[in-house]
PDB file of all heavy atoms in Angstrom:
ATOM      1  N   MET A   1      61.613 146.260  84.467  1.00  0.00           N
ATOM      2  CA  MET A   1      61.959 145.388  85.584  1.00  0.00           C
ATOM      3  C   MET A   1      63.074 144.444  85.175  1.00  0.00           C
ATOM      4  O   MET A   1      63.087 143.934  84.054  1.00  0.00           O
ATOM      5  CB  MET A   1      60.734 144.578  86.002  1.00  0.00           C
ATOM      6  CG  MET A   1      60.904 143.838  87.284  1.00  0.00           C
ATOM      7  SD  MET A   1      59.328 143.139  87.765  1.00  0.00           S
ATOM      8  CE  MET A   1      59.804 141.448  87.913  1.00  0.00           C
ATOM      9  N   GLY A   2      64.007 144.229  86.078  1.00  0.00           N
ATOM     10  CA  GLY A   2      65.046 143.244  85.850  1.00  0.00           C
ATOM     11  C   GLY A   2      66.182 143.737  85.004  1.00  0.00           C
ATOM     12  O   GLY A   2      66.900 142.935  84.404  1.00  0.00           O
ATOM     13  N   SER A   3      66.382 145.018  84.934  1.00  0.00           N
ATOM     14  CA  SER A   3      67.469 145.555  84.138  1.00  0.00           C
ATOM     15  C   SER A   3      68.789 144.944  84.580  1.00  0.00           C
ATOM     16  O   SER A   3      69.140 144.942  85.751  1.00  0.00           O
ATOM     17  CB  SER A   3      67.512 147.077  84.298  1.00  0.00           C
ATOM     18  OG  SER A   3      68.522 147.602  83.491  1.00  0.00           O
ATOM     19  N   GLY A   4      69.507 144.362  83.630  1.00  0.00           N
ATOM     20  CA  GLY A   4      70.807 143.774  83.929  1.00  0.00           C
ATOM     21  C   GLY A   4      70.748 142.327  84.374  1.00  0.00           C
ATOM     22  O   GLY A   4      71.769 141.739  84.708  1.00  0.00           O
ATOM     23  N   ARG A   5      69.553 141.730  84.411  1.00  0.00           N
ATOM     24  CA  ARG A   5      69.465 140.317  84.773  1.00  0.00           C
ATOM     25  C   ARG A   5      68.366 139.661  83.960  1.00  0.00           C
ATOM     26  O   ARG A   5      67.449 140.321  83.482  1.00  0.00           O
ATOM     27  CB  ARG A   5      69.232 140.135  86.269  1.00  0.00           C
ATOM     28  CG  ARG A   5      67.930 140.694  86.759  1.00  0.00           C
ATOM     29  CD  ARG A   5      67.830 140.554  88.282  1.00  0.00           C
ATOM     30  NE  ARG A   5      66.668 141.281  88.726  1.00  0.00           N
ATOM     31  CZ  ARG A   5      65.700 140.748  89.444  1.00  0.00           C
ATOM     32  NH1 ARG A   5      65.774 139.512  89.822  1.00  0.00           N
ATOM     33  NH2 ARG A   5      64.667 141.474  89.797  1.00  0.00           N
ATOM     34  N   ASP A   6      68.472 138.380  83.813  1.00  0.00           N
ATOM     35  CA  ASP A   6      67.479 137.638  83.042  1.00  0.00           C
ATOM     36  C   ASP A   6      66.257 137.345  83.906  1.00  0.00           C
ATOM     37  O   ASP A   6      66.372 136.945  85.065  1.00  0.00           O
ATOM     38  CB  ASP A   6      68.069 136.320  82.535  1.00  0.00           C
ATOM     39  CG  ASP A   6      69.109 136.522  81.456  1.00  0.00           C
ATOM     40  OD1 ASP A   6      69.072 137.578  80.793  1.00  0.00           O
ATOM     41  OD2 ASP A   6      69.956 135.637  81.264  1.00  0.00           O
ATOM     42  N   LEU A   7      65.094 137.563  83.334  1.00  0.00           N
ATOM     43  CA  LEU A   7      63.831 137.265  84.004  1.00  0.00           C
ATOM     44  C   LEU A   7      63.149 136.119  83.287  1.00  0.00           C
ATOM     45  O   LEU A   7      63.288 135.970  82.073  1.00  0.00           O
ATOM     46  CB  LEU A   7      62.911 138.486  83.997  1.00  0.00           C
ATOM     47  CG  LEU A   7      63.397 139.715  84.740  1.00  0.00           C
ATOM     48  CD1 LEU A   7      62.413 140.857  84.559  1.00  0.00           C
ATOM     49  CD2 LEU A   7      63.589 139.414  86.210  1.00  0.00           C
ATOM     50  N   SER A   8      62.401 135.343  84.038  1.00  0.00           N
ATOM     51  CA  SER A   8      61.678 134.217  83.462  1.00  0.00           C
ATOM     52  C   SER A   8      60.244 134.224  83.937  1.00  0.00           C
ATOM     53  O   SER A   8      59.955 134.578  85.083  1.00  0.00           O
ATOM     54  CB  SER A   8      62.319 132.888  83.879  1.00  0.00           C
ATOM     55  OG  SER A   8      63.623 132.777  83.381  1.00  0.00           O
ATOM     56  N   GLY A   9      59.361 133.814  83.048  1.00  0.00           N
ATOM     57  CA  GLY A   9      57.967 133.599  83.400  1.00  0.00           C
ATOM     58  C   GLY A   9      57.726 132.113  83.520  1.00  0.00           C
ATOM     59  O   GLY A   9      58.536 131.295  83.064  1.00  0.00           O
ATOM     60  N   LEU A  10      56.618 131.760  84.139  1.00  0.00           N
ATOM     61  CA  LEU A  10      56.269 130.355  84.345  1.00  0.00           C
ATOM     62  C   LEU A  10      54.929 130.082  83.677  1.00  0.00           C
ATOM     63  O   LEU A  10      53.931 130.749  83.976  1.00  0.00           O
ATOM     64  CB  LEU A  10      56.184 130.049  85.847  1.00  0.00           C
ATOM     65  CG  LEU A  10      55.928 128.609  86.244  1.00  0.00           C
ATOM     66  CD1 LEU A  10      57.104 127.722  85.825  1.00  0.00           C
ATOM     67  CD2 LEU A  10      55.699 128.512  87.747  1.00  0.00           C
ATOM     68  N   ARG A  11      54.929 129.116  82.769  1.00  0.00           N
ATOM     69  CA  ARG A  11      53.690 128.721  82.088  1.00  0.00           C
ATOM     70  C   ARG A  11      52.903 127.744  82.954  1.00  0.00           C
ATOM     71  O   ARG A  11      53.432 127.156  83.900  1.00  0.00           O
ATOM     72  CB  ARG A  11      54.008 128.068  80.751  1.00  0.00           C
ATOM     73  CG  ARG A  11      54.589 129.005  79.723  1.00  0.00           C
ATOM     74  CD  ARG A  11      54.697 128.319  78.352  1.00  0.00           C
ATOM     75  NE  ARG A  11      55.227 129.236  77.386  1.00  0.00           N
ATOM     76  CZ  ARG A  11      56.506 129.290  77.006  1.00  0.00           C
ATOM     77  NH1 ARG A  11      57.394 128.470  77.545  1.00  0.00           N
ATOM     78  NH2 ARG A  11      56.894 130.169  76.107  1.00  0.00           N
ATOM     79  N   LYS A  12      51.669 127.556  82.583  1.00  0.00           N
ATOM     80  CA  LYS A  12      50.793 126.628  83.297  1.00  0.00           C
ATOM     81  C   LYS A  12      51.369 125.218  83.305  1.00  0.00           C
ATOM     82  O   LYS A  12      51.255 124.503  84.303  1.00  0.00           O
ATOM     83  CB  LYS A  12      49.402 126.633  82.644  1.00  0.00           C
ATOM     84  CG  LYS A  12      48.385 125.774  83.358  1.00  0.00           C
ATOM     85  CD  LYS A  12      47.035 125.884  82.689  1.00  0.00           C
ATOM     86  CE  LYS A  12      46.012 125.032  83.417  1.00  0.00           C
ATOM     87  NZ  LYS A  12      44.682 125.166  82.801  1.00  0.00           N
ATOM     88  N   ASP A  13      52.042 124.839  82.222  1.00  0.00           N
ATOM     89  CA  ASP A  13      52.605 123.491  82.139  1.00  0.00           C
ATOM     90  C   ASP A  13      53.913 123.342  82.929  1.00  0.00           C
ATOM     91  O   ASP A  13      54.532 122.286  82.933  1.00  0.00           O
ATOM     92  CB  ASP A  13      52.816 123.073  80.682  1.00  0.00           C
ATOM     93  CG  ASP A  13      53.875 123.886  79.949  1.00  0.00           C
ATOM     94  OD1 ASP A  13      54.611 124.686  80.594  1.00  0.00           O
ATOM     95  OD2 ASP A  13      53.984 123.725  78.714  1.00  0.00           O
ATOM     96  N   GLY A  14      54.351 124.409  83.596  1.00  0.00           N
ATOM     97  CA  GLY A  14      55.560 124.351  84.412  1.00  0.00           C
ATOM     98  C   GLY A  14      56.824 124.769  83.686  1.00  0.00           C
ATOM     99  O   GLY A  14      57.884 124.881  84.309  1.00  0.00           O
ATOM    100  N   SER A  15      56.733 124.989  82.386  1.00  0.00           N
ATOM    101  CA  SER A  15      57.920 125.403  81.637  1.00  0.00           C
ATOM    102  C   SER A  15      58.188 126.887  81.852  1.00  0.00           C
ATOM    103  O   SER A  15      57.271 127.671  82.102  1.00  0.00           O
ATOM    104  CB  SER A  15      57.757 125.097  80.137  1.00  0.00           C
ATOM    105  OG  SER A  15      56.685 125.847  79.588  1.00  0.00           O
ATOM    106  N   GLU A  16      59.449 127.255  81.780  1.00  0.00           N
ATOM    107  CA  GLU A  16      59.855 128.648  81.937  1.00  0.00           C
ATOM    108  C   GLU A  16      60.185 129.243  80.577  1.00  0.00           C
ATOM    109  O   GLU A  16      60.561 128.517  79.656  1.00  0.00           O
ATOM    110  CB  GLU A  16      61.082 128.747  82.843  1.00  0.00           C
ATOM    111  CG  GLU A  16      60.801 128.375  84.276  1.00  0.00           C
ATOM    112  CD  GLU A  16      61.993 128.585  85.189  1.00  0.00           C
ATOM    113  OE1 GLU A  16      62.900 129.387  84.832  1.00  0.00           O
ATOM    114  OE2 GLU A  16      62.025 127.956  86.260  1.00  0.00           O
ATOM    115  N   PHE A  17      60.066 130.557  80.488  1.00  0.00           N
ATOM    116  CA  PHE A  17      60.417 131.251  79.256  1.00  0.00           C
ATOM    117  C   PHE A  17      60.973 132.618  79.616  1.00  0.00           C
ATOM    118  O   PHE A  17      60.562 133.229  80.609  1.00  0.00           O
ATOM    119  CB  PHE A  17      59.216 131.347  78.303  1.00  0.00           C
ATOM    120  CG  PHE A  17      58.027 132.084  78.879  1.00  0.00           C
ATOM    121  CD1 PHE A  17      57.742 133.378  78.466  1.00  0.00           C
ATOM    122  CD2 PHE A  17      57.198 131.479  79.811  1.00  0.00           C
ATOM    123  CE1 PHE A  17      56.652 134.055  78.975  1.00  0.00           C
ATOM    124  CE2 PHE A  17      56.101 132.160  80.334  1.00  0.00           C
ATOM    125  CZ  PHE A  17      55.827 133.446  79.911  1.00  0.00           C
ATOM    126  N   PRO A  18      61.950 133.123  78.827  1.00  0.00           N
ATOM    127  CA  PRO A  18      62.554 134.422  79.127  1.00  0.00           C
ATOM    128  C   PRO A  18      61.601 135.562  78.780  1.00  0.00           C
ATOM    129  O   PRO A  18      60.893 135.509  77.769  1.00  0.00           O
ATOM    130  CB  PRO A  18      63.799 134.447  78.238  1.00  0.00           C
ATOM    131  CG  PRO A  18      63.466 133.546  77.098  1.00  0.00           C
ATOM    132  CD  PRO A  18      62.559 132.484  77.652  1.00  0.00           C
ATOM    133  N   ILE A  19      61.589 136.577  79.645  1.00  0.00           N
ATOM    134  CA  ILE A  19      60.660 137.693  79.457  1.00  0.00           C
ATOM    135  C   ILE A  19      61.334 139.023  79.747  1.00  0.00           C
ATOM    136  O   ILE A  19      62.363 139.079  80.420  1.00  0.00           O
ATOM    137  CB  ILE A  19      59.416 137.558  80.363  1.00  0.00           C
ATOM    138  CG1 ILE A  19      59.825 137.464  81.843  1.00  0.00           C
ATOM    139  CG2 ILE A  19      58.551 136.398  79.954  1.00  0.00           C
ATOM    140  CD1 ILE A  19      58.660 137.461  82.821  1.00  0.00           C
ATOM    141  N   GLU A  20      60.735 140.070  79.211  1.00  0.00           N
ATOM    142  CA  GLU A  20      61.025 141.447  79.585  1.00  0.00           C
ATOM    143  C   GLU A  20      59.726 142.011  80.133  1.00  0.00           C
ATOM    144  O   GLU A  20      58.644 141.695  79.639  1.00  0.00           O
ATOM    145  CB  GLU A  20      61.458 142.285  78.379  1.00  0.00           C
ATOM    146  CG  GLU A  20      62.866 142.030  77.955  1.00  0.00           C
ATOM    147  CD  GLU A  20      63.324 142.955  76.837  1.00  0.00           C
ATOM    148  OE1 GLU A  20      62.486 143.668  76.246  1.00  0.00           O
ATOM    149  OE2 GLU A  20      64.524 142.942  76.551  1.00  0.00           O
ATOM    150  N   ILE A  21      59.848 142.849  81.162  1.00  0.00           N
ATOM    151  CA  ILE A  21      58.660 143.401  81.809  1.00  0.00           C
ATOM    152  C   ILE A  21      58.804 144.904  81.969  1.00  0.00           C
ATOM    153  O   ILE A  21      59.850 145.394  82.400  1.00  0.00           O
ATOM    154  CB  ILE A  21      58.438 142.775  83.200  1.00  0.00           C
ATOM    155  CG1 ILE A  21      58.308 141.256  83.094  1.00  0.00           C
ATOM    156  CG2 ILE A  21      57.200 143.364  83.870  1.00  0.00           C
ATOM    157  CD1 ILE A  21      58.177 140.566  84.429  1.00  0.00           C
ATOM    158  N   GLY A  22      57.750 145.624  81.617  1.00  0.00           N
ATOM    159  CA  GLY A  22      57.647 147.048  81.906  1.00  0.00           C
ATOM    160  C   GLY A  22      56.548 147.249  82.933  1.00  0.00           C
ATOM    161  O   GLY A  22      55.477 146.655  82.810  1.00  0.00           O
ATOM    162  N   LEU A  23      56.827 148.035  83.966  1.00  0.00           N
ATOM    163  CA  LEU A  23      55.851 148.274  85.030  1.00  0.00           C
ATOM    164  C   LEU A  23      55.347 149.710  84.970  1.00  0.00           C
ATOM    165  O   LEU A  23      56.133 150.635  84.760  1.00  0.00           O
ATOM    166  CB  LEU A  23      56.493 148.040  86.407  1.00  0.00           C
ATOM    167  CG  LEU A  23      57.115 146.669  86.650  1.00  0.00           C
ATOM    168  CD1 LEU A  23      57.763 146.630  88.020  1.00  0.00           C
ATOM    169  CD2 LEU A  23      56.076 145.573  86.512  1.00  0.00           C
ATOM    170  N   ASN A  24      54.052 149.874  85.180  1.00  0.00           N
ATOM    171  CA  ASN A  24      53.438 151.205  85.183  1.00  0.00           C
ATOM    172  C   ASN A  24      52.433 151.300  86.320  1.00  0.00           C
ATOM    173  O   ASN A  24      51.527 150.465  86.407  1.00  0.00           O
ATOM    174  CB  ASN A  24      52.708 151.467  83.867  1.00  0.00           C
ATOM    175  CG  ASN A  24      53.656 151.577  82.718  1.00  0.00           C
ATOM    176  OD1 ASN A  24      54.403 152.537  82.632  1.00  0.00           O
ATOM    177  ND2 ASN A  24      53.645 150.588  81.839  1.00  0.00           N
ATOM    178  N   PRO A  25      52.581 152.314  87.188  1.00  0.00           N
ATOM    179  CA  PRO A  25      51.574 152.498  88.234  1.00  0.00           C
ATOM    180  C   PRO A  25      50.279 153.021  87.619  1.00  0.00           C
ATOM    181  O   PRO A  25      50.306 153.831  86.702  1.00  0.00           O
ATOM    182  CB  PRO A  25      52.207 153.531  89.161  1.00  0.00           C
ATOM    183  CG  PRO A  25      53.199 154.254  88.320  1.00  0.00           C
ATOM    184  CD  PRO A  25      53.641 153.304  87.249  1.00  0.00           C
ATOM    185  N   VAL A  26      49.157 152.532  88.126  1.00  0.00           N
ATOM    186  CA  VAL A  26      47.842 152.929  87.626  1.00  0.00           C
ATOM    187  C   VAL A  26      46.928 153.167  88.822  1.00  0.00           C
ATOM    188  O   VAL A  26      46.799 152.293  89.679  1.00  0.00           O
ATOM    189  CB  VAL A  26      47.232 151.829  86.719  1.00  0.00           C
ATOM    190  CG1 VAL A  26      45.849 152.214  86.246  1.00  0.00           C
ATOM    191  CG2 VAL A  26      48.131 151.516  85.549  1.00  0.00           C
ATOM    192  N   LYS A  27      46.307 154.348  88.866  1.00  0.00           N
ATOM    193  CA  LYS A  27      45.347 154.628  89.928  1.00  0.00           C
ATOM    194  C   LYS A  27      43.982 154.104  89.489  1.00  0.00           C
ATOM    195  O   LYS A  27      43.504 154.444  88.412  1.00  0.00           O
ATOM    196  CB  LYS A  27      45.278 156.121  90.210  1.00  0.00           C
ATOM    197  CG  LYS A  27      46.544 156.658  90.842  1.00  0.00           C
ATOM    198  CD  LYS A  27      46.446 158.147  91.115  1.00  0.00           C
ATOM    199  CE  LYS A  27      47.761 158.637  91.678  1.00  0.00           C
ATOM    200  NZ  LYS A  27      47.794 160.077  91.869  1.00  0.00           N
ATOM    201  N   THR A  28      43.394 153.264  90.320  1.00  0.00           N
ATOM    202  CA  THR A  28      42.082 152.694  90.027  1.00  0.00           C
ATOM    203  C   THR A  28      41.159 152.934  91.215  1.00  0.00           C
ATOM    204  O   THR A  28      41.587 153.430  92.253  1.00  0.00           O
ATOM    205  CB  THR A  28      42.177 151.169  89.776  1.00  0.00           C
ATOM    206  OG1 THR A  28      42.423 150.508  91.025  1.00  0.00           O
ATOM    207  CG2 THR A  28      43.271 150.828  88.779  1.00  0.00           C
ATOM    208  N   GLU A  29      39.904 152.524  91.055  1.00  0.00           N
ATOM    209  CA  GLU A  29      38.971 152.639  92.175  1.00  0.00           C
ATOM    210  C   GLU A  29      39.375 151.729  93.328  1.00  0.00           C
ATOM    211  O   GLU A  29      38.954 151.918  94.459  1.00  0.00           O
ATOM    212  CB  GLU A  29      37.529 152.356  91.731  1.00  0.00           C
ATOM    213  CG  GLU A  29      37.277 150.955  91.233  1.00  0.00           C
ATOM    214  CD  GLU A  29      37.613 150.738  89.759  1.00  0.00           C
ATOM    215  OE1 GLU A  29      38.020 151.697  89.070  1.00  0.00           O
ATOM    216  OE2 GLU A  29      37.476 149.599  89.299  1.00  0.00           O
ATOM    217  N   LYS A  30      40.215 150.730  93.062  1.00  0.00           N
ATOM    218  CA  LYS A  30      40.727 149.845  94.119  1.00  0.00           C
ATOM    219  C   LYS A  30      41.996 150.396  94.752  1.00  0.00           C
ATOM    220  O   LYS A  30      42.597 149.751  95.586  1.00  0.00           O
ATOM    221  CB  LYS A  30      41.011 148.458  93.540  1.00  0.00           C
ATOM    222  CG  LYS A  30      39.765 147.719  93.097  1.00  0.00           C
ATOM    223  CD  LYS A  30      40.084 146.300  92.739  1.00  0.00           C
ATOM    224  CE  LYS A  30      40.113 145.553  94.021  1.00  0.00           C
ATOM    225  NZ  LYS A  30      39.890 144.174  94.054  1.00  0.00           N
ATOM    226  N   GLY A  31      42.426 151.558  94.308  1.00  0.00           N
ATOM    227  CA  GLY A  31      43.667 152.145  94.812  1.00  0.00           C
ATOM    228  C   GLY A  31      44.767 152.015  93.775  1.00  0.00           C
ATOM    229  O   GLY A  31      44.517 151.731  92.604  1.00  0.00           O
ATOM    230  N   LEU A  32      45.991 152.193  94.213  1.00  0.00           N
ATOM    231  CA  LEU A  32      47.129 152.114  93.300  1.00  0.00           C
ATOM    232  C   LEU A  32      47.374 150.660  92.912  1.00  0.00           C
ATOM    233  O   LEU A  32      47.416 149.776  93.766  1.00  0.00           O
ATOM    234  CB  LEU A  32      48.380 152.700  93.958  1.00  0.00           C
ATOM    235  CG  LEU A  32      49.597 152.816  93.052  1.00  0.00           C
ATOM    236  CD1 LEU A  32      49.332 153.796  91.904  1.00  0.00           C
ATOM    237  CD2 LEU A  32      50.809 153.268  93.852  1.00  0.00           C
TER     238      LEU A  32
END
């Protein structure tokens, strides 16, 4: 996720931090 752009996460204390994210679809009993 976010290829070519910077992504940030948000901590509980309100501070941001740079992140990389990989997404994977998963079939569960609740659906996709």
